[in-house]
Amino acid sequence: MDSLRRAGYIEPGCSTFFTHNLNGEPISCRNYDIQHRVSGEDPTLTGLNVVLHCKPEGKYESIAIADAIWCAPNDPLYRAGGPDLEDFDSTLLDILPYQCMDGLNEKGLFVSIMRVNIKESDQPGRFGVAASMLVRYMLDDCANVEEAIAKVDTAIVKPEDWQECHIFVSDAQDHYALIESRNSIVSVIDTDVVTNFYLGSDDMEDYYKAGTLREEAVAMIDKNGKPLYHFGYGHGYHRFVTIASQLDRFRKDGRTMMPEASALVILQSAVQSPYTEVTGTSMTQYSAIYNNAEKAVSIWPFQNYETEYKFDVSGKQIQ
């Protein structure tokens, strides 16, 4: 694990997959992974995740989960306890609607973002909050996957702004897609599993030799722990394979169906924790299962799978 840390794999993670429950309802399942720590002096893991109900005039109603630390990432009060602390500046929370990591609207459209790593030869995203802004625009304005894909062309933020993330969308009509931007070129990929490497383009190491473009898959680190490849291909690949292999057990006639309890087990199998040796490159802040048909979300915070919170799209807590 220390070798992975040195290689730069202490990064926001996240895993998402799409399936159906035993009633045939589409469900979108999600782990949000990032290591927030109180401070450089206090390495205690922390988080300030907010279930947010939005009903803007003339827009679709939605329920989403926002990472409030991104409202003020350099404010120690946001990391050390948030609203429970004296002198906490709550005015910064006004931008919470634009810091949602995933959400579902009244039409059953689910949207989530996951980090991808940018190669040195690629263009980095120009605007750090652009991906979560696009989540908000899709939740507010789009009824289904088709409209969400079209929103990429009309939103204020452009593909070159948000290309450090890719965006998974699904809807109540069983449609799903992954939207990626790489060097400002948008790709739409048909996949029901997403983690943190590109799926719409070849993500092997590429280089020119004797005037010819050569590509080869490389390991993340060599036998001595020296980093060989810092981007894409390896980040989240083990989680992708873990989820995909379990989904295949439930796949029949081109779709998957399972008890929601089984979907939660799959999420748990992809959990990240800095205290584990295998997947300790990030920290799962919460797991969530969104029911696209019921228009509701179940949330398990900080890997406490004994405690479930459930909210409908109107913001009402129903469990």
Protein backbone atom coordinates (compact mmCIF):
# COMPACT_ATOMS: atom_id res chain seq x y z
CA MET A 1 0.00 0.00 0.00
CA ASP A 2 2.87 2.40 0.74
CA SER A 3 4.11 1.87 -2.81
CA LEU A 4 0.71 2.85 -4.14
CA ARG A 5 0.79 5.96 -2.01
CA ARG A 6 4.21 6.92 -3.38
CA ALA A 7 2.96 6.27 -6.90
CA GLY A 8 0.23 8.85 -6.44
CA TYR A 9 -2.74 6.56 -5.91
CA ILE A 10 -4.06 8.36 -2.84
CA GLU A 11 -6.79 9.91 -4.92
CA PRO A 12 -10.53 10.35 -4.92
CA GLY A 13 -11.92 6.98 -5.91
CA CYS A 14 -15.61 6.14 -6.35
CA SER A 15 -17.37 3.14 -7.86
CA THR A 16 -20.78 3.03 -9.53
CA PHE A 17 -22.87 0.28 -11.11
CA PHE A 18 -26.38 -0.17 -12.49
CA THR A 19 -28.68 -3.15 -11.97
CA HIS A 20 -32.30 -4.05 -11.09
CA ASN A 21 -33.90 -5.20 -7.85
CA LEU A 22 -36.14 -8.26 -7.67
CA ASN A 23 -39.16 -6.11 -8.56
CA GLY A 24 -37.46 -5.26 -11.83
CA GLU A 25 -36.90 -1.65 -10.79
CA PRO A 26 -33.68 0.00 -11.98
CA ILE A 27 -31.26 0.83 -9.18
CA SER A 28 -28.02 2.82 -9.36
CA CYS A 29 -25.43 1.87 -6.76
CA ARG A 30 -22.58 4.07 -5.66
CA ASN A 31 -19.55 4.38 -3.34
CA TYR A 32 -18.17 7.87 -2.86
CA ASP A 33 -14.49 7.62 -1.96
CA ILE A 34 -12.08 10.29 -0.80
CA GLN A 35 -9.74 10.70 2.17
CA HIS A 36 -10.61 13.89 3.99
CA ARG A 37 -8.42 14.48 7.04
CA VAL A 38 -8.90 17.07 9.77
CA SER A 39 -5.55 18.76 9.08
CA GLY A 40 -1.91 18.15 8.30
CA GLU A 41 -1.27 17.88 12.01
CA ASP A 42 -4.36 15.78 12.75
CA PRO A 43 -4.67 12.83 10.33
CA THR A 44 -8.08 11.78 11.66
CA LEU A 45 -10.37 10.79 8.80
CA THR A 46 -13.38 13.04 8.50
CA GLY A 47 -16.21 14.02 6.21
CA LEU A 48 -19.12 16.42 5.95
CA ASN A 49 -21.62 14.88 3.56
CA VAL A 50 -25.06 16.47 3.28
CA VAL A 51 -28.28 14.99 1.91
CA LEU A 52 -29.66 17.88 -0.12
CA HIS A 53 -33.21 18.40 -1.39
CA CYS A 54 -33.60 20.92 -4.20
CA LYS A 55 -36.79 22.19 -5.82
CA PRO A 56 -35.83 25.21 -7.94
CA GLU A 57 -38.62 27.07 -9.69
CA GLY A 58 -39.19 25.77 -13.19
CA LYS A 59 -36.75 22.88 -12.69
CA TYR A 60 -37.00 19.26 -11.61
CA GLU A 61 -37.07 18.37 -7.93
CA SER A 62 -34.13 16.26 -6.74
CA ILE A 63 -32.44 14.53 -3.84
CA ALA A 64 -28.64 14.41 -3.86
CA ILE A 65 -25.58 14.01 -1.66
CA ALA A 66 -23.12 16.90 -1.45
CA ASP A 67 -19.60 16.88 -0.07
CA ALA A 68 -19.66 20.09 1.97
CA ILE A 69 -15.92 20.12 2.51
CA TRP A 70 -15.54 21.20 -1.12
CA CYS A 71 -17.43 24.39 -0.23
CA ALA A 72 -14.39 25.50 1.78
CA PRO A 73 -11.59 22.93 1.45
CA ASN A 74 -9.10 25.14 3.30
CA ASP A 75 -11.40 26.00 6.20
CA PRO A 76 -10.42 23.78 9.16
CA LEU A 77 -13.89 24.11 10.70
CA TYR A 78 -15.40 22.23 7.75
CA ARG A 79 -13.08 19.32 8.42
CA ALA A 80 -13.23 19.38 12.20
CA GLY A 81 -16.98 19.28 12.81
CA GLY A 82 -18.74 21.75 10.56
CA PRO A 83 -21.99 23.27 11.83
CA ASP A 84 -21.44 21.80 15.30
CA LEU A 85 -18.53 24.18 15.89
CA GLU A 86 -18.64 27.76 17.09
CA ASP A 87 -17.66 30.35 14.46
CA PHE A 88 -18.62 28.00 11.62
CA ASP A 89 -19.42 30.11 8.55
CA SER A 90 -22.58 28.55 7.12
CA THR A 91 -22.88 31.11 4.31
CA LEU A 92 -20.40 29.05 2.30
CA LEU A 93 -22.98 26.26 2.24
CA ASP A 94 -24.96 28.33 -0.26
CA ILE A 95 -22.98 26.62 -3.01
CA LEU A 96 -23.93 23.12 -1.81
CA PRO A 97 -26.24 22.50 -4.80
CA TYR A 98 -23.13 22.72 -6.98
CA GLN A 99 -21.07 20.34 -4.84
CA CYS A 100 -23.24 17.24 -5.24
CA MET A 101 -21.35 14.07 -6.04
CA ASP A 102 -24.46 12.12 -7.03
CA GLY A 103 -28.22 12.57 -7.09
CA LEU A 104 -31.63 11.61 -8.48
CA ASN A 105 -34.44 13.79 -9.77
CA GLU A 106 -38.23 13.44 -9.89
CA LYS A 107 -38.10 11.91 -13.38
CA GLY A 108 -35.80 9.14 -12.20
CA LEU A 109 -32.58 10.46 -13.73
CA PHE A 110 -29.52 9.48 -11.68
CA VAL A 111 -26.20 11.31 -12.11
CA SER A 112 -22.82 10.69 -10.45
CA ILE A 113 -19.23 11.78 -11.01
CA MET A 114 -15.98 9.85 -10.63
CA ARG A 115 -12.42 11.09 -10.90
CA VAL A 116 -10.17 10.03 -13.78
CA ASN A 117 -6.45 10.68 -13.81
CA ILE A 118 -5.03 12.86 -16.55
CA LYS A 119 -1.89 11.82 -18.40
CA GLU A 120 0.89 14.36 -18.69
CA SER A 121 0.18 14.60 -22.42
CA ASP A 122 -3.53 15.23 -21.86
CA GLN A 123 -5.28 18.50 -21.12
CA PRO A 124 -6.27 18.84 -17.46
CA GLY A 125 -9.72 20.11 -16.55
CA ARG A 126 -9.85 23.90 -16.52
CA PHE A 127 -12.41 24.36 -13.76
CA GLY A 128 -12.33 22.24 -10.62
CA VAL A 129 -16.03 22.49 -9.76
CA ALA A 130 -17.23 22.07 -13.36
CA ALA A 131 -18.10 18.37 -13.05
CA SER A 132 -20.32 18.85 -10.00
CA MET A 133 -21.89 21.88 -11.68
CA LEU A 134 -22.79 19.64 -14.62
CA VAL A 135 -24.38 17.19 -12.17
CA ARG A 136 -26.61 20.03 -10.96
CA TYR A 137 -27.55 21.14 -14.49
CA MET A 138 -28.51 17.58 -15.42
CA LEU A 139 -30.58 17.01 -12.28
CA ASP A 140 -32.37 20.34 -12.73
CA ASP A 141 -33.07 20.13 -16.45
CA CYS A 142 -32.95 16.55 -17.75
CA ALA A 143 -35.60 13.83 -17.60
CA ASN A 144 -33.61 10.89 -18.95
CA VAL A 145 -30.23 9.70 -20.20
CA GLU A 146 -30.77 11.05 -23.70
CA GLU A 147 -31.39 14.56 -22.38
CA ALA A 148 -28.43 14.31 -19.99
CA ILE A 149 -26.10 13.45 -22.86
CA ALA A 150 -27.49 16.36 -24.88
CA LYS A 151 -26.93 18.68 -21.90
CA VAL A 152 -23.17 18.31 -22.37
CA ASP A 153 -23.47 20.40 -25.55
CA THR A 154 -25.60 23.18 -24.04
CA ALA A 155 -24.37 23.59 -20.44
CA ILE A 156 -22.38 26.65 -19.37
CA VAL A 157 -19.43 24.40 -18.51
CA LYS A 158 -17.69 22.91 -21.53
CA PRO A 159 -16.12 19.44 -21.98
CA GLU A 160 -12.63 20.86 -21.49
CA ASP A 161 -13.75 22.22 -18.10
CA TRP A 162 -14.78 18.93 -16.48
CA GLN A 163 -12.54 16.31 -18.11
CA GLU A 164 -10.85 15.33 -14.85
CA CYS A 165 -14.05 13.44 -14.07
CA HIS A 166 -16.38 11.21 -16.00
CA ILE A 167 -20.13 11.16 -15.46
CA PHE A 168 -22.42 8.14 -15.15
CA VAL A 169 -26.13 8.60 -15.83
CA SER A 170 -29.12 6.24 -15.66
CA ASP A 171 -32.88 6.64 -15.79
CA ALA A 172 -36.22 5.05 -14.92
CA GLN A 173 -36.50 3.57 -18.43
CA ASP A 174 -33.50 1.24 -17.89
CA HIS A 175 -31.08 3.36 -19.90
CA TYR A 176 -27.57 4.10 -18.70
CA ALA A 177 -24.36 5.58 -20.09
CA LEU A 178 -20.96 6.91 -19.15
CA ILE A 179 -19.97 10.34 -20.48
CA GLU A 180 -16.27 11.15 -20.78
CA SER A 181 -14.26 14.09 -22.06
CA ARG A 182 -10.63 13.52 -23.01
CA ASN A 183 -8.71 16.35 -24.64
CA SER A 184 -12.11 18.03 -25.14
CA ILE A 185 -13.45 15.07 -27.16
CA VAL A 186 -16.67 13.67 -25.67
CA SER A 187 -17.37 9.94 -25.70
CA VAL A 188 -20.55 8.14 -24.63
CA ILE A 189 -19.95 4.57 -23.48
CA ASP A 190 -22.44 1.76 -22.89
CA THR A 191 -21.29 0.32 -19.57
CA ASP A 192 -23.00 -0.63 -16.32
CA VAL A 193 -19.81 -0.44 -14.20
CA VAL A 194 -17.58 2.60 -13.71
CA THR A 195 -14.61 3.39 -11.49
CA ASN A 196 -11.67 5.73 -12.15
CA PHE A 197 -10.07 4.95 -15.48
CA TYR A 198 -11.13 5.83 -19.01
CA LEU A 199 -13.53 3.42 -20.71
CA GLY A 200 -14.05 5.34 -23.95
CA SER A 201 -10.44 5.33 -25.13
CA ASP A 202 -7.43 3.07 -25.06
CA ASP A 203 -5.67 3.82 -21.81
CA MET A 204 -2.43 1.95 -22.28
CA GLU A 205 0.92 3.69 -22.16
CA ASP A 206 1.63 5.23 -25.55
CA TYR A 207 4.85 6.60 -27.00
CA TYR A 208 6.60 7.10 -30.33
CA LYS A 209 9.55 4.93 -31.36
CA ALA A 210 11.22 5.26 -34.77
CA GLY A 211 8.31 7.39 -35.90
CA THR A 212 5.71 4.77 -34.99
CA LEU A 213 3.12 5.07 -32.24
CA ARG A 214 3.58 2.15 -29.86
CA GLU A 215 1.26 1.11 -27.06
CA GLU A 216 1.80 -1.31 -24.23
CA ALA A 217 0.09 -2.09 -20.97
CA VAL A 218 2.34 -1.45 -18.00
CA ALA A 219 2.12 -2.28 -14.33
CA MET A 220 1.42 0.41 -11.76
CA ILE A 221 4.69 -0.32 -9.94
CA ASP A 222 7.68 -2.58 -10.50
CA LYS A 223 8.87 -5.27 -8.10
CA ASN A 224 10.81 -2.69 -6.11
CA GLY A 225 7.82 -0.39 -5.69
CA LYS A 226 9.02 2.12 -8.26
CA PRO A 227 6.08 3.80 -10.02
CA LEU A 228 5.81 2.90 -13.69
CA TYR A 229 2.48 4.42 -14.57
CA HIS A 230 0.66 7.12 -12.67
CA PHE A 231 -2.54 7.53 -14.60
CA GLY A 232 -5.75 5.88 -15.64
CA TYR A 233 -5.35 2.21 -16.36
CA GLY A 234 -4.57 1.03 -12.83
CA HIS A 235 -6.63 3.45 -10.75
CA GLY A 236 -9.79 1.63 -9.76
CA TYR A 237 -9.17 -1.34 -12.05
CA HIS A 238 -9.32 -3.86 -9.21
CA ARG A 239 -12.64 -2.39 -8.07
CA PHE A 240 -13.97 -2.47 -11.64
CA VAL A 241 -13.12 -6.16 -12.01
CA THR A 242 -14.51 -6.95 -8.55
CA ILE A 243 -17.87 -5.36 -9.36
CA ALA A 244 -18.11 -6.56 -12.97
CA SER A 245 -17.38 -10.18 -12.07
CA GLN A 246 -20.14 -10.18 -9.45
CA LEU A 247 -22.63 -8.53 -11.79
CA ASP A 248 -21.99 -11.27 -14.35
CA ARG A 249 -23.30 -13.83 -11.86
CA PHE A 250 -26.69 -12.09 -12.01
CA ARG A 251 -26.71 -11.35 -15.75
CA LYS A 252 -29.40 -12.94 -17.91
CA ASP A 253 -30.66 -11.86 -21.33
CA GLY A 254 -28.49 -8.77 -21.30
CA ARG A 255 -29.52 -7.37 -17.90
CA THR A 256 -28.85 -8.01 -14.24
CA MET A 257 -31.34 -8.47 -11.41
CA MET A 258 -30.63 -9.08 -7.74
CA PRO A 259 -31.89 -8.40 -4.21
CA GLU A 260 -30.91 -4.93 -3.06
CA ALA A 261 -29.08 -6.63 -0.20
CA SER A 262 -26.83 -8.28 -2.79
CA ALA A 263 -26.22 -4.94 -4.47
CA LEU A 264 -25.10 -3.58 -1.11
CA VAL A 265 -22.73 -6.52 -0.67
CA ILE A 266 -21.17 -5.69 -4.04
CA LEU A 267 -20.68 -2.10 -2.91
CA GLN A 268 -19.08 -3.35 0.28
CA SER A 269 -16.68 -5.50 -1.74
CA ALA A 270 -15.39 -2.33 -3.43
CA VAL A 271 -15.09 -0.26 -0.25
CA GLN A 272 -11.81 1.56 0.29
CA SER A 273 -10.15 2.17 3.63
CA PRO A 274 -6.65 3.42 4.47
CA TYR A 275 -6.55 0.81 7.20
CA THR A 276 -6.68 -2.13 4.77
CA GLU A 277 -3.72 -3.43 2.83
CA VAL A 278 -5.50 -4.21 -0.44
CA THR A 279 -7.76 -1.26 -1.19
CA GLY A 280 -6.40 1.36 1.15
CA THR A 281 -5.78 4.08 -1.43
CA SER A 282 -8.81 6.17 -0.49
CA MET A 283 -11.72 6.22 1.96
CA THR A 284 -15.35 5.33 1.27
CA GLN A 285 -17.32 8.23 2.74
CA TYR A 286 -20.69 6.65 2.01
CA SER A 287 -22.45 3.98 0.00
CA ALA A 288 -25.79 4.72 -1.65
CA ILE A 289 -28.43 2.85 -3.63
CA TYR A 290 -30.71 5.06 -5.72
CA ASN A 291 -34.00 3.56 -6.92
CA ASN A 292 -34.71 5.23 -10.26
CA ALA A 293 -38.33 4.04 -10.28
CA GLU A 294 -39.22 4.68 -6.63
CA LYS A 295 -37.36 8.03 -6.74
CA ALA A 296 -35.60 7.36 -3.44
CA VAL A 297 -32.10 6.84 -2.06
CA SER A 298 -30.75 4.63 0.74
CA ILE A 299 -27.48 5.77 2.32
CA TRP A 300 -24.94 4.03 4.57
CA PRO A 301 -22.45 6.60 5.93
CA PHE A 302 -18.79 5.97 6.80
CA GLN A 303 -18.96 2.22 6.13
CA ASN A 304 -21.55 1.67 8.87
CA TYR A 305 -23.70 -0.92 7.10
CA GLU A 306 -25.85 -1.50 10.17
CA THR A 307 -27.41 1.96 9.81
CA GLU A 308 -29.46 2.91 6.75
CA TYR A 309 -30.98 6.30 6.02
CA LYS A 310 -33.58 6.54 3.26
CA PHE A 311 -35.01 9.67 1.62
CA ASP A 312 -37.45 10.21 -1.21
CA VAL A 313 -37.05 12.81 -3.93
CA SER A 314 -39.17 15.30 -1.96
CA GLY A 315 -36.57 15.29 0.82
CA LYS A 316 -38.72 13.30 3.24
CA GLN A 317 -36.84 10.79 5.37
CA ILE A 318 -38.69 7.50 5.03
CA GLN A 319 -36.28 5.34 7.04
